Amino acid sequence: MAITWLAAKEKNGVASLYNTNITLNTVASVPFEYAYRCQVGITDDNNIVIEPLTKERVLSGKLDEYTLLKISIKPTYSRISSTLLMNRISEILGIELSDKPLKFNTLWNEEENILTILTH
């Protein structure tokens, strides 16, 4: 007999996009608990990706310093604050951001070490 155990705490990660920041809920924040910085990008299919970076990788000098963003980790959420970044995301994705959040599900890809915000 095969058994599939169900996790009572299993939840989807959620990202909220504002005109000044990206806020990740507790579940989406887990991969960033020990991140020193992060990078944010857009995929070909217009999803947002965030990669957590270690201090060693950031200090290696191999990354473009202008792509490195600070991520603030709190007990119940994480936040990447940058009005310039959010303006670029709004422009590229063709969405209007304001002080009221647009919420999207997230997906963690452990193999590639990236969190995807499923905007499309």
PDB file of N, CA and C in Angstrom:
ATOM      1  N   MET A   1       0.850  -1.176   0.000  1.00  0.00           N
ATOM      2  CA  MET A   1       0.000   0.000   0.000  1.00  0.00           C
ATOM      3  C   MET A   1       0.897   1.241   0.000  1.00  0.00           C
ATOM      4  N   ALA A   2       0.701   2.115  -0.988  1.00  0.00           N
ATOM      5  CA  ALA A   2       1.451   3.365  -1.076  1.00  0.00           C
ATOM      6  C   ALA A   2       0.693   4.475  -0.358  1.00  0.00           C
ATOM      7  N   ILE A   3       1.433   5.268   0.392  1.00  0.00           N
ATOM      8  CA  ILE A   3       0.821   6.360   1.143  1.00  0.00           C
ATOM      9  C   ILE A   3       1.455   7.673   0.709  1.00  0.00           C
ATOM     10  N   THR A   4       0.630   8.664   0.482  1.00  0.00           N
ATOM     11  CA  THR A   4       1.119  10.015   0.221  1.00  0.00           C
ATOM     12  C   THR A   4       0.743  10.857   1.428  1.00  0.00           C
ATOM     13  N   TRP A   5       1.746  11.315   2.167  1.00  0.00           N
ATOM     14  CA  TRP A   5       1.503  12.115   3.357  1.00  0.00           C
ATOM     15  C   TRP A   5       1.233  13.550   2.956  1.00  0.00           C
ATOM     16  N   LEU A   6       0.262  14.165   3.590  1.00  0.00           N
ATOM     17  CA  LEU A   6      -0.131  15.527   3.276  1.00  0.00           C
ATOM     18  C   LEU A   6       0.345  16.473   4.375  1.00  0.00           C
ATOM     19  N   ALA A   7       0.921  17.576   3.961  1.00  0.00           N
ATOM     20  CA  ALA A   7       1.410  18.557   4.930  1.00  0.00           C
ATOM     21  C   ALA A   7       0.310  19.571   5.219  1.00  0.00           C
ATOM     22  N   ALA A   8      -0.035  19.713   6.481  1.00  0.00           N
ATOM     23  CA  ALA A   8      -1.093  20.635   6.870  1.00  0.00           C
ATOM     24  C   ALA A   8      -0.676  22.092   6.667  1.00  0.00           C
ATOM     25  N   LYS A   9       0.629  22.358   6.721  1.00  0.00           N
ATOM     26  CA  LYS A   9       1.111  23.727   6.592  1.00  0.00           C
ATOM     27  C   LYS A   9       1.518  24.099   5.173  1.00  0.00           C
ATOM     28  N   GLU A  10       1.289  23.217   4.238  1.00  0.00           N
ATOM     29  CA  GLU A  10       1.677  23.491   2.859  1.00  0.00           C
ATOM     30  C   GLU A  10       0.855  24.637   2.312  1.00  0.00           C
ATOM     31  N   LYS A  11       1.529  25.697   1.871  1.00  0.00           N
ATOM     32  CA  LYS A  11       0.853  26.876   1.330  1.00  0.00           C
ATOM     33  C   LYS A  11       1.606  27.352   0.101  1.00  0.00           C
ATOM     34  N   ASN A  12       0.922  28.136  -0.686  1.00  0.00           N
ATOM     35  CA  ASN A  12       1.586  28.779  -1.814  1.00  0.00           C
ATOM     36  C   ASN A  12       2.281  30.030  -1.326  1.00  0.00           C
ATOM     37  N   GLY A  13       3.436  30.283  -1.922  1.00  0.00           N
ATOM     38  CA  GLY A  13       4.082  31.556  -1.665  1.00  0.00           C
ATOM     39  C   GLY A  13       3.345  32.628  -2.452  1.00  0.00           C
ATOM     40  N   VAL A  14       3.331  33.842  -1.905  1.00  0.00           N
ATOM     41  CA  VAL A  14       2.668  34.961  -2.566  1.00  0.00           C
ATOM     42  C   VAL A  14       3.592  36.164  -2.569  1.00  0.00           C
ATOM     43  N   ALA A  15       3.653  36.836  -3.720  1.00  0.00           N
ATOM     44  CA  ALA A  15       4.397  38.079  -3.851  1.00  0.00           C
ATOM     45  C   ALA A  15       3.405  39.197  -4.108  1.00  0.00           C
ATOM     46  N   SER A  16       3.582  40.303  -3.414  1.00  0.00           N
ATOM     47  CA  SER A  16       2.755  41.488  -3.616  1.00  0.00           C
ATOM     48  C   SER A  16       3.619  42.556  -4.264  1.00  0.00           C
ATOM     49  N   LEU A  17       3.158  43.059  -5.401  1.00  0.00           N
ATOM     50  CA  LEU A  17       3.893  44.098  -6.117  1.00  0.00           C
ATOM     51  C   LEU A  17       3.246  45.450  -5.845  1.00  0.00           C
ATOM     52  N   TYR A  18       4.048  46.373  -5.368  1.00  0.00           N
ATOM     53  CA  TYR A  18       3.627  47.749  -5.119  1.00  0.00           C
ATOM     54  C   TYR A  18       4.441  48.661  -6.035  1.00  0.00           C
ATOM     55  N   ASN A  19       4.132  49.937  -6.050  1.00  0.00           N
ATOM     56  CA  ASN A  19       4.905  50.872  -6.864  1.00  0.00           C
ATOM     57  C   ASN A  19       6.295  51.147  -6.288  1.00  0.00           C
ATOM     58  N   THR A  20       6.555  50.725  -5.059  1.00  0.00           N
ATOM     59  CA  THR A  20       7.861  50.964  -4.436  1.00  0.00           C
ATOM     60  C   THR A  20       8.607  49.703  -4.028  1.00  0.00           C
ATOM     61  N   ASN A  21       7.936  48.536  -4.045  1.00  0.00           N
ATOM     62  CA  ASN A  21       8.611  47.335  -3.547  1.00  0.00           C
ATOM     63  C   ASN A  21       7.924  46.049  -3.982  1.00  0.00           C
ATOM     64  N   ILE A  22       8.664  44.959  -3.772  1.00  0.00           N
ATOM     65  CA  ILE A  22       8.131  43.596  -3.878  1.00  0.00           C
ATOM     66  C   ILE A  22       8.132  43.049  -2.460  1.00  0.00           C
ATOM     67  N   THR A  23       6.975  42.578  -1.997  1.00  0.00           N
ATOM     68  CA  THR A  23       6.882  41.992  -0.672  1.00  0.00           C
ATOM     69  C   THR A  23       6.536  40.519  -0.827  1.00  0.00           C
ATOM     70  N   LEU A  24       7.319  39.662  -0.178  1.00  0.00           N
ATOM     71  CA  LEU A  24       7.112  38.211  -0.222  1.00  0.00           C
ATOM     72  C   LEU A  24       6.534  37.746   1.106  1.00  0.00           C
ATOM     73  N   ASN A  25       5.517  36.883   1.055  1.00  0.00           N
ATOM     74  CA  ASN A  25       4.968  36.363   2.306  1.00  0.00           C
ATOM     75  C   ASN A  25       5.955  35.378   2.940  1.00  0.00           C
ATOM     76  N   THR A  26       5.597  34.846   4.088  1.00  0.00           N
ATOM     77  CA  THR A  26       6.484  33.964   4.844  1.00  0.00           C
ATOM     78  C   THR A  26       6.954  32.768   4.025  1.00  0.00           C
ATOM     79  N   VAL A  27       6.050  32.125   3.303  1.00  0.00           N
ATOM     80  CA  VAL A  27       6.399  30.932   2.524  1.00  0.00           C
ATOM     81  C   VAL A  27       7.375  31.298   1.405  1.00  0.00           C
ATOM     82  N   ALA A  28       7.095  32.362   0.675  1.00  0.00           N
ATOM     83  CA  ALA A  28       7.969  32.781  -0.423  1.00  0.00           C
ATOM     84  C   ALA A  28       9.315  33.287   0.089  1.00  0.00           C
ATOM     85  N   SER A  29       9.373  33.721   1.341  1.00  0.00           N
ATOM     86  CA  SER A  29      10.599  34.276   1.925  1.00  0.00           C
ATOM     87  C   SER A  29      11.628  33.237   2.348  1.00  0.00           C
ATOM     88  N   VAL A  30      11.199  32.009   2.528  1.00  0.00           N
ATOM     89  CA  VAL A  30      12.089  30.970   3.076  1.00  0.00           C
ATOM     90  C   VAL A  30      13.436  30.884   2.362  1.00  0.00           C
ATOM     91  N   PRO A  31      13.513  30.871   1.026  1.00  0.00           N
ATOM     92  CA  PRO A  31      14.818  30.755   0.361  1.00  0.00           C
ATOM     93  C   PRO A  31      15.738  31.966   0.570  1.00  0.00           C
ATOM     94  N   PHE A  32      15.202  33.057   1.100  1.00  0.00           N
ATOM     95  CA  PHE A  32      15.981  34.283   1.255  1.00  0.00           C
ATOM     96  C   PHE A  32      16.443  34.521   2.690  1.00  0.00           C
ATOM     97  N   GLU A  33      16.165  33.583   3.587  1.00  0.00           N
ATOM     98  CA  GLU A  33      16.507  33.766   4.997  1.00  0.00           C
ATOM     99  C   GLU A  33      17.979  34.104   5.216  1.00  0.00           C
ATOM    100  N   TYR A  34      18.857  33.546   4.401  1.00  0.00           N
ATOM    101  CA  TYR A  34      20.293  33.777   4.583  1.00  0.00           C
ATOM    102  C   TYR A  34      20.919  34.508   3.406  1.00  0.00           C
ATOM    103  N   ALA A  35      20.084  35.147   2.596  1.00  0.00           N
ATOM    104  CA  ALA A  35      20.604  35.879   1.434  1.00  0.00           C
ATOM    105  C   ALA A  35      21.274  37.178   1.888  1.00  0.00           C
ATOM    106  N   TYR A  36      22.386  37.485   1.260  1.00  0.00           N
ATOM    107  CA  TYR A  36      23.096  38.732   1.525  1.00  0.00           C
ATOM    108  C   TYR A  36      22.540  39.840   0.632  1.00  0.00           C
ATOM    109  N   ARG A  37      22.279  39.509  -0.608  1.00  0.00           N
ATOM    110  CA  ARG A  37      21.662  40.389  -1.600  1.00  0.00           C
ATOM    111  C   ARG A  37      20.845  39.495  -2.530  1.00  0.00           C
ATOM    112  N   CYS A  38      20.202  40.097  -3.513  1.00  0.00           N
ATOM    113  CA  CYS A  38      19.470  39.318  -4.502  1.00  0.00           C
ATOM    114  C   CYS A  38      19.532  40.031  -5.846  1.00  0.00           C
ATOM    115  N   GLN A  39      19.146  39.302  -6.885  1.00  0.00           N
ATOM    116  CA  GLN A  39      19.015  39.859  -8.218  1.00  0.00           C
ATOM    117  C   GLN A  39      17.588  39.611  -8.672  1.00  0.00           C
ATOM    118  N   VAL A  40      17.036  40.569  -9.422  1.00  0.00           N
ATOM    119  CA  VAL A  40      15.678  40.455  -9.930  1.00  0.00           C
ATOM    120  C   VAL A  40      15.740  40.542 -11.451  1.00  0.00           C
ATOM    121  N   GLY A  41      15.007  39.671 -12.127  1.00  0.00           N
ATOM    122  CA  GLY A  41      14.980  39.679 -13.589  1.00  0.00           C
ATOM    123  C   GLY A  41      13.602  39.335 -14.109  1.00  0.00           C
ATOM    124  N   ILE A  42      13.466  39.391 -15.425  1.00  0.00           N
ATOM    125  CA  ILE A  42      12.211  39.057 -16.110  1.00  0.00           C
ATOM    126  C   ILE A  42      12.512  37.942 -17.107  1.00  0.00           C
ATOM    127  N   THR A  43      11.680  36.904 -17.122  1.00  0.00           N
ATOM    128  CA  THR A  43      11.853  35.794 -18.056  1.00  0.00           C
ATOM    129  C   THR A  43      11.244  36.143 -19.408  1.00  0.00           C
ATOM    130  N   ASP A  44      11.513  35.301 -20.402  1.00  0.00           N
ATOM    131  CA  ASP A  44      10.948  35.488 -21.739  1.00  0.00           C
ATOM    132  C   ASP A  44       9.422  35.458 -21.734  1.00  0.00           C
ATOM    133  N   ASP A  45       8.843  34.708 -20.781  1.00  0.00           N
ATOM    134  CA  ASP A  45       7.384  34.628 -20.712  1.00  0.00           C
ATOM    135  C   ASP A  45       6.795  35.613 -19.689  1.00  0.00           C
ATOM    136  N   ASN A  46       7.557  36.667 -19.397  1.00  0.00           N
ATOM    137  CA  ASN A  46       7.118  37.788 -18.549  1.00  0.00           C
ATOM    138  C   ASN A  46       6.756  37.423 -17.115  1.00  0.00           C
ATOM    139  N   ASN A  47       7.516  36.528 -16.537  1.00  0.00           N
ATOM    140  CA  ASN A  47       7.436  36.282 -15.106  1.00  0.00           C
ATOM    141  C   ASN A  47       8.652  36.943 -14.466  1.00  0.00           C
ATOM    142  N   ILE A  48       8.514  37.315 -13.210  1.00  0.00           N
ATOM    143  CA  ILE A  48       9.617  37.918 -12.470  1.00  0.00           C
ATOM    144  C   ILE A  48      10.380  36.812 -11.755  1.00  0.00           C
ATOM    145  N   VAL A  49      11.704  36.860 -11.805  1.00  0.00           N
ATOM    146  CA  VAL A  49      12.516  35.893 -11.078  1.00  0.00           C
ATOM    147  C   VAL A  49      13.424  36.634 -10.093  1.00  0.00           C
ATOM    148  N   ILE A  50      13.607  36.012  -8.936  1.00  0.00           N
ATOM    149  CA  ILE A  50      14.471  36.575  -7.900  1.00  0.00           C
ATOM    150  C   ILE A  50      15.446  35.491  -7.475  1.00  0.00           C
ATOM    151  N   GLU A  51      16.727  35.838  -7.479  1.00  0.00           N
ATOM    152  CA  GLU A  51      17.756  34.889  -7.070  1.00  0.00           C
ATOM    153  C   GLU A  51      18.422  35.375  -5.787  1.00  0.00           C
ATOM    154  N   PRO A  52      18.402  34.553  -4.722  1.00  0.00           N
ATOM    155  CA  PRO A  52      19.122  34.914  -3.507  1.00  0.00           C
ATOM    156  C   PRO A  52      20.622  34.732  -3.725  1.00  0.00           C
ATOM    157  N   LEU A  53      21.417  35.650  -3.202  1.00  0.00           N
ATOM    158  CA  LEU A  53      22.867  35.595  -3.378  1.00  0.00           C
ATOM    159  C   LEU A  53      23.567  35.554  -2.025  1.00  0.00           C
ATOM    160  N   THR A  54      24.598  34.737  -1.941  1.00  0.00           N
ATOM    161  CA  THR A  54      25.399  34.663  -0.720  1.00  0.00           C
ATOM    162  C   THR A  54      26.387  35.825  -0.677  1.00  0.00           C
ATOM    163  N   LYS A  55      26.896  36.108   0.483  1.00  0.00           N
ATOM    164  CA  LYS A  55      27.889  37.175   0.638  1.00  0.00           C
ATOM    165  C   LYS A  55      29.141  36.854  -0.168  1.00  0.00           C
ATOM    166  N   GLU A  56      29.547  35.600  -0.178  1.00  0.00           N
ATOM    167  CA  GLU A  56      30.742  35.189  -0.916  1.00  0.00           C
ATOM    168  C   GLU A  56      30.592  35.460  -2.407  1.00  0.00           C
ATOM    169  N   ARG A  57      29.427  35.144  -2.944  1.00  0.00           N
ATOM    170  CA  ARG A  57      29.202  35.370  -4.378  1.00  0.00           C
ATOM    171  C   ARG A  57      29.172  36.861  -4.708  1.00  0.00           C
ATOM    172  N   VAL A  58      28.543  37.647  -3.852  1.00  0.00           N
ATOM    173  CA  VAL A  58      28.470  39.096  -4.073  1.00  0.00           C
ATOM    174  C   VAL A  58      29.861  39.709  -4.022  1.00  0.00           C
ATOM    175  N   LEU A  59      30.664  39.289  -3.053  1.00  0.00           N
ATOM    176  CA  LEU A  59      31.999  39.866  -2.881  1.00  0.00           C
ATOM    177  C   LEU A  59      33.025  39.316  -3.866  1.00  0.00           C
ATOM    178  N   SER A  60      32.647  38.317  -4.636  1.00  0.00           N
ATOM    179  CA  SER A  60      33.574  37.733  -5.612  1.00  0.00           C
ATOM    180  C   SER A  60      33.918  38.716  -6.734  1.00  0.00           C
ATOM    181  N   GLY A  61      33.061  39.715  -6.944  1.00  0.00           N
ATOM    182  CA  GLY A  61      33.299  40.690  -7.997  1.00  0.00           C
ATOM    183  C   GLY A  61      32.876  40.234  -9.381  1.00  0.00           C
ATOM    184  N   LYS A  62      32.247  39.070  -9.482  1.00  0.00           N
ATOM    185  CA  LYS A  62      31.853  38.529 -10.788  1.00  0.00           C
ATOM    186  C   LYS A  62      30.470  38.994 -11.241  1.00  0.00           C
ATOM    187  N   LEU A  63      29.739  39.656 -10.352  1.00  0.00           N
ATOM    188  CA  LEU A  63      28.385  40.101 -10.674  1.00  0.00           C
ATOM    189  C   LEU A  63      28.375  41.610 -10.913  1.00  0.00           C
ATOM    190  N   ASP A  64      27.486  42.061 -11.776  1.00  0.00           N
ATOM    191  CA  ASP A  64      27.318  43.491 -12.027  1.00  0.00           C
ATOM    192  C   ASP A  64      26.740  44.134 -10.760  1.00  0.00           C
ATOM    193  N   GLU A  65      27.492  45.026 -10.155  1.00  0.00           N
ATOM    194  CA  GLU A  65      27.077  45.614  -8.881  1.00  0.00           C
ATOM    195  C   GLU A  65      25.760  46.382  -8.974  1.00  0.00           C
ATOM    196  N   TYR A  66      25.385  46.829 -10.179  1.00  0.00           N
ATOM    197  CA  TYR A  66      24.149  47.578 -10.346  1.00  0.00           C
ATOM    198  C   TYR A  66      22.916  46.678 -10.349  1.00  0.00           C
ATOM    199  N   THR A  67      23.132  45.365 -10.440  1.00  0.00           N
ATOM    200  CA  THR A  67      22.008  44.425 -10.405  1.00  0.00           C
ATOM    201  C   THR A  67      21.788  43.846  -9.011  1.00  0.00           C
ATOM    202  N   LEU A  68      22.624  44.205  -8.059  1.00  0.00           N
ATOM    203  CA  LEU A  68      22.529  43.655  -6.713  1.00  0.00           C
ATOM    204  C   LEU A  68      21.581  44.493  -5.868  1.00  0.00           C
ATOM    205  N   LEU A  69      20.588  43.841  -5.302  1.00  0.00           N
ATOM    206  CA  LEU A  69      19.571  44.539  -4.521  1.00  0.00           C
ATOM    207  C   LEU A  69      19.538  44.019  -3.095  1.00  0.00           C
ATOM    208  N   LYS A  70      19.266  44.910  -2.166  1.00  0.00           N
ATOM    209  CA  LYS A  70      19.135  44.536  -0.762  1.00  0.00           C
ATOM    210  C   LYS A  70      17.750  43.935  -0.549  1.00  0.00           C
ATOM    211  N   ILE A  71      17.690  42.889   0.241  1.00  0.00           N
ATOM    212  CA  ILE A  71      16.405  42.294   0.616  1.00  0.00           C
ATOM    213  C   ILE A  71      16.314  42.319   2.138  1.00  0.00           C
ATOM    214  N   SER A  72      15.248  42.918   2.648  1.00  0.00           N
ATOM    215  CA  SER A  72      15.019  43.014   4.089  1.00  0.00           C
ATOM    216  C   SER A  72      14.185  41.819   4.528  1.00  0.00           C
ATOM    217  N   ILE A  73      14.701  41.092   5.503  1.00  0.00           N
ATOM    218  CA  ILE A  73      14.030  39.891   6.003  1.00  0.00           C
ATOM    219  C   ILE A  73      13.411  40.202   7.363  1.00  0.00           C
ATOM    220  N   LYS A  74      12.118  39.976   7.478  1.00  0.00           N
ATOM    221  CA  LYS A  74      11.382  40.163   8.731  1.00  0.00           C
ATOM    222  C   LYS A  74      10.767  38.816   9.107  1.00  0.00           C
ATOM    223  N   PRO A  75      10.254  38.677  10.326  1.00  0.00           N
ATOM    224  CA  PRO A  75       9.690  37.386  10.732  1.00  0.00           C
ATOM    225  C   PRO A  75       8.540  36.875   9.852  1.00  0.00           C
ATOM    226  N   THR A  76       7.722  37.768   9.295  1.00  0.00           N
ATOM    227  CA  THR A  76       6.556  37.313   8.535  1.00  0.00           C
ATOM    228  C   THR A  76       6.577  37.705   7.057  1.00  0.00           C
ATOM    229  N   TYR A  77       7.630  38.371   6.608  1.00  0.00           N
ATOM    230  CA  TYR A  77       7.708  38.760   5.202  1.00  0.00           C
ATOM    231  C   TYR A  77       9.138  39.170   4.852  1.00  0.00           C
ATOM    232  N   SER A  78       9.388  39.313   3.556  1.00  0.00           N
ATOM    233  CA  SER A  78      10.649  39.867   3.049  1.00  0.00           C
ATOM    234  C   SER A  78      10.288  40.966   2.067  1.00  0.00           C
ATOM    235  N   ARG A  79      11.206  41.932   1.892  1.00  0.00           N
ATOM    236  CA  ARG A  79      10.887  43.050   1.008  1.00  0.00           C
ATOM    237  C   ARG A  79      12.118  43.524   0.245  1.00  0.00           C
ATOM    238  N   ILE A  80      11.914  43.758  -1.045  1.00  0.00           N
ATOM    239  CA  ILE A  80      12.920  44.378  -1.907  1.00  0.00           C
ATOM    240  C   ILE A  80      12.353  45.742  -2.263  1.00  0.00           C
ATOM    241  N   SER A  81      12.985  46.795  -1.781  1.00  0.00           N
ATOM    242  CA  SER A  81      12.480  48.150  -1.991  1.00  0.00           C
ATOM    243  C   SER A  81      13.311  48.882  -3.031  1.00  0.00           C
ATOM    244  N   SER A  82      12.655  49.312  -4.102  1.00  0.00           N
ATOM    245  CA  SER A  82      13.307  50.113  -5.139  1.00  0.00           C
ATOM    246  C   SER A  82      12.232  50.638  -6.088  1.00  0.00           C
ATOM    247  N   THR A  83      11.999  51.934  -6.025  1.00  0.00           N
ATOM    248  CA  THR A  83      11.023  52.542  -6.933  1.00  0.00           C
ATOM    249  C   THR A  83      11.482  52.411  -8.380  1.00  0.00           C
ATOM    250  N   LEU A  84      12.776  52.570  -8.619  1.00  0.00           N
ATOM    251  CA  LEU A  84      13.316  52.435  -9.970  1.00  0.00           C
ATOM    252  C   LEU A  84      13.068  51.025 -10.513  1.00  0.00           C
ATOM    253  N   LEU A  85      13.345  50.019  -9.709  1.00  0.00           N
ATOM    254  CA  LEU A  85      13.089  48.627 -10.112  1.00  0.00           C
ATOM    255  C   LEU A  85      11.611  48.423 -10.430  1.00  0.00           C
ATOM    256  N   MET A  86      10.737  48.919  -9.579  1.00  0.00           N
ATOM    257  CA  MET A  86       9.309  48.713  -9.777  1.00  0.00           C
ATOM    258  C   MET A  86       8.803  49.460 -11.013  1.00  0.00           C
ATOM    259  N   ASN A  87       9.382  50.610 -11.302  1.00  0.00           N
ATOM    260  CA  ASN A  87       9.034  51.327 -12.536  1.00  0.00           C
ATOM    261  C   ASN A  87       9.406  50.507 -13.760  1.00  0.00           C
ATOM    262  N   ARG A  88      10.592  49.878 -13.735  1.00  0.00           N
ATOM    263  CA  ARG A  88      11.044  49.027 -14.855  1.00  0.00           C
ATOM    264  C   ARG A  88      10.129  47.812 -15.011  1.00  0.00           C
ATOM    265  N   ILE A  89       9.787  47.169 -13.897  1.00  0.00           N
ATOM    266  CA  ILE A  89       8.895  46.008 -13.943  1.00  0.00           C
ATOM    267  C   ILE A  89       7.548  46.409 -14.528  1.00  0.00           C
ATOM    268  N   SER A  90       6.997  47.526 -14.065  1.00  0.00           N
ATOM    269  CA  SER A  90       5.721  48.028 -14.559  1.00  0.00           C
ATOM    270  C   SER A  90       5.773  48.279 -16.062  1.00  0.00           C
ATOM    271  N   GLU A  91       6.855  48.893 -16.496  1.00  0.00           N
ATOM    272  CA  GLU A  91       7.039  49.214 -17.913  1.00  0.00           C
ATOM    273  C   GLU A  91       7.162  47.953 -18.764  1.00  0.00           C
ATOM    274  N   ILE A  92       8.000  47.013 -18.340  1.00  0.00           N
ATOM    275  CA  ILE A  92       8.245  45.790 -19.111  1.00  0.00           C
ATOM    276  C   ILE A  92       7.001  44.900 -19.169  1.00  0.00           C
ATOM    277  N   LEU A  93       6.336  44.741 -18.030  1.00  0.00           N
ATOM    278  CA  LEU A  93       5.179  43.837 -17.975  1.00  0.00           C
ATOM    279  C   LEU A  93       3.877  44.506 -18.405  1.00  0.00           C
ATOM    280  N   GLY A  94       3.893  45.832 -18.535  1.00  0.00           N
ATOM    281  CA  GLY A  94       2.679  46.537 -18.927  1.00  0.00           C
ATOM    282  C   GLY A  94       1.599  46.495 -17.862  1.00  0.00           C
ATOM    283  N   ILE A  95       2.019  46.574 -16.600  1.00  0.00           N
ATOM    284  CA  ILE A  95       1.052  46.583 -15.499  1.00  0.00           C
ATOM    285  C   ILE A  95       1.187  47.902 -14.743  1.00  0.00           C
ATOM    286  N   GLU A  96       0.089  48.330 -14.146  1.00  0.00           N
ATOM    287  CA  GLU A  96       0.105  49.566 -13.374  1.00  0.00           C
ATOM    288  C   GLU A  96       0.242  49.220 -11.899  1.00  0.00           C
ATOM    289  N   LEU A  97       1.289  49.757 -11.278  1.00  0.00           N
ATOM    290  CA  LEU A  97       1.531  49.505  -9.866  1.00  0.00           C
ATOM    291  C   LEU A  97       1.188  50.750  -9.055  1.00  0.00           C
ATOM    292  N   SER A  98       0.684  50.533  -7.847  1.00  0.00           N
ATOM    293  CA  SER A  98       0.311  51.648  -6.981  1.00  0.00           C
ATOM    294  C   SER A  98       0.594  51.259  -5.535  1.00  0.00           C
ATOM    295  N   ASP A  99       0.005  51.997  -4.598  1.00  0.00           N
ATOM    296  CA  ASP A  99       0.179  51.650  -3.188  1.00  0.00           C
ATOM    297  C   ASP A  99      -0.765  50.520  -2.764  1.00  0.00           C
ATOM    298  N   LYS A 100      -1.600  50.066  -3.682  1.00  0.00           N
ATOM    299  CA  LYS A 100      -2.448  48.886  -3.456  1.00  0.00           C
ATOM    300  C   LYS A 100      -1.785  47.707  -4.171  1.00  0.00           C
ATOM    301  N   PRO A 101      -1.580  46.592  -3.477  1.00  0.00           N
ATOM    302  CA  PRO A 101      -0.795  45.500  -4.048  1.00  0.00           C
ATOM    303  C   PRO A 101      -1.484  44.723  -5.166  1.00  0.00           C
ATOM    304  N   LEU A 102      -0.673  44.273  -6.119  1.00  0.00           N
ATOM    305  CA  LEU A 102      -1.082  43.246  -7.071  1.00  0.00           C
ATOM    306  C   LEU A 102      -0.439  41.966  -6.546  1.00  0.00           C
ATOM    307  N   LYS A 103      -1.239  40.939  -6.292  1.00  0.00           N
ATOM    308  CA  LYS A 103      -0.728  39.705  -5.684  1.00  0.00           C
ATOM    309  C   LYS A 103      -0.615  38.601  -6.716  1.00  0.00           C
ATOM    310  N   PHE A 104       0.520  37.877  -6.643  1.00  0.00           N
ATOM    311  CA  PHE A 104       0.796  36.785  -7.564  1.00  0.00           C
ATOM    312  C   PHE A 104       1.363  35.600  -6.791  1.00  0.00           C
ATOM    313  N   ASN A 105       1.049  34.390  -7.243  1.00  0.00           N
ATOM    314  CA  ASN A 105       1.636  33.190  -6.658  1.00  0.00           C
ATOM    315  C   ASN A 105       3.105  33.098  -7.049  1.00  0.00           C
ATOM    316  N   THR A 106       3.860  32.384  -6.232  1.00  0.00           N
ATOM    317  CA  THR A 106       5.280  32.184  -6.498  1.00  0.00           C
ATOM    318  C   THR A 106       5.591  30.701  -6.590  1.00  0.00           C
ATOM    319  N   LEU A 107       6.723  30.403  -7.202  1.00  0.00           N
ATOM    320  CA  LEU A 107       7.175  29.023  -7.354  1.00  0.00           C
ATOM    321  C   LEU A 107       8.681  29.004  -7.134  1.00  0.00           C
ATOM    322  N   TRP A 108       9.152  28.180  -6.212  1.00  0.00           N
ATOM    323  CA  TRP A 108      10.579  28.061  -5.925  1.00  0.00           C
ATOM    324  C   TRP A 108      11.171  26.933  -6.747  1.00  0.00           C
ATOM    325  N   ASN A 109      12.251  27.216  -7.473  1.00  0.00           N
ATOM    326  CA  ASN A 109      12.971  26.209  -8.242  1.00  0.00           C
ATOM    327  C   ASN A 109      14.311  25.989  -7.545  1.00  0.00           C
ATOM    328  N   GLU A 110      14.387  24.921  -6.776  1.00  0.00           N
ATOM    329  CA  GLU A 110      15.581  24.636  -5.985  1.00  0.00           C
ATOM    330  C   GLU A 110      16.792  24.353  -6.871  1.00  0.00           C
ATOM    331  N   GLU A 111      16.565  23.675  -7.980  1.00  0.00           N
ATOM    332  CA  GLU A 111      17.663  23.326  -8.888  1.00  0.00           C
ATOM    333  C   GLU A 111      18.342  24.580  -9.461  1.00  0.00           C
ATOM    334  N   GLU A 112      17.550  25.571  -9.842  1.00  0.00           N
ATOM    335  CA  GLU A 112      18.102  26.799 -10.418  1.00  0.00           C
ATOM    336  C   GLU A 112      18.321  27.892  -9.378  1.00  0.00           C
ATOM    337  N   ASN A 113      17.867  27.652  -8.150  1.00  0.00           N
ATOM    338  CA  ASN A 113      18.015  28.598  -7.045  1.00  0.00           C
ATOM    339  C   ASN A 113      17.336  29.937  -7.344  1.00  0.00           C
ATOM    340  N   ILE A 114      16.110  29.868  -7.892  1.00  0.00           N
ATOM    341  CA  ILE A 114      15.367  31.088  -8.170  1.00  0.00           C
ATOM    342  C   ILE A 114      13.906  30.962  -7.741  1.00  0.00           C
ATOM    343  N   LEU A 115      13.366  32.085  -7.311  1.00  0.00           N
ATOM    344  CA  LEU A 115      11.939  32.184  -7.016  1.00  0.00           C
ATOM    345  C   LEU A 115      11.289  32.862  -8.210  1.00  0.00           C
ATOM    346  N   THR A 116      10.235  32.269  -8.741  1.00  0.00           N
ATOM    347  CA  THR A 116       9.508  32.853  -9.856  1.00  0.00           C
ATOM    348  C   THR A 116       8.196  33.416  -9.357  1.00  0.00           C
ATOM    349  N   ILE A 117       7.938  34.680  -9.699  1.00  0.00           N
ATOM    350  CA  ILE A 117       6.641  35.297  -9.423  1.00  0.00           C
ATOM    351  C   ILE A 117       5.830  35.127 -10.699  1.00  0.00           C
ATOM    352  N   LEU A 118       4.760  34.367 -10.603  1.00  0.00           N
ATOM    353  CA  LEU A 118       3.970  33.972 -11.771  1.00  0.00           C
ATOM    354  C   LEU A 118       3.008  35.097 -12.160  1.00  0.00           C
ATOM    355  N   THR A 119       3.514  36.058 -12.927  1.00  0.00           N
ATOM    356  CA  THR A 119       2.710  37.211 -13.328  1.00  0.00           C
ATOM    357  C   THR A 119       1.897  36.944 -14.577  1.00  0.00           C
ATOM    358  N   HIS A 120       2.276  35.921 -15.348  1.00  0.00           N
ATOM    359  CA  HIS A 120       1.541  35.591 -16.576  1.00  0.00           C
ATOM    360  C   HIS A 120       1.358  34.103 -16.700  1.00  0.00           C
TER     361      HIS A 120
END
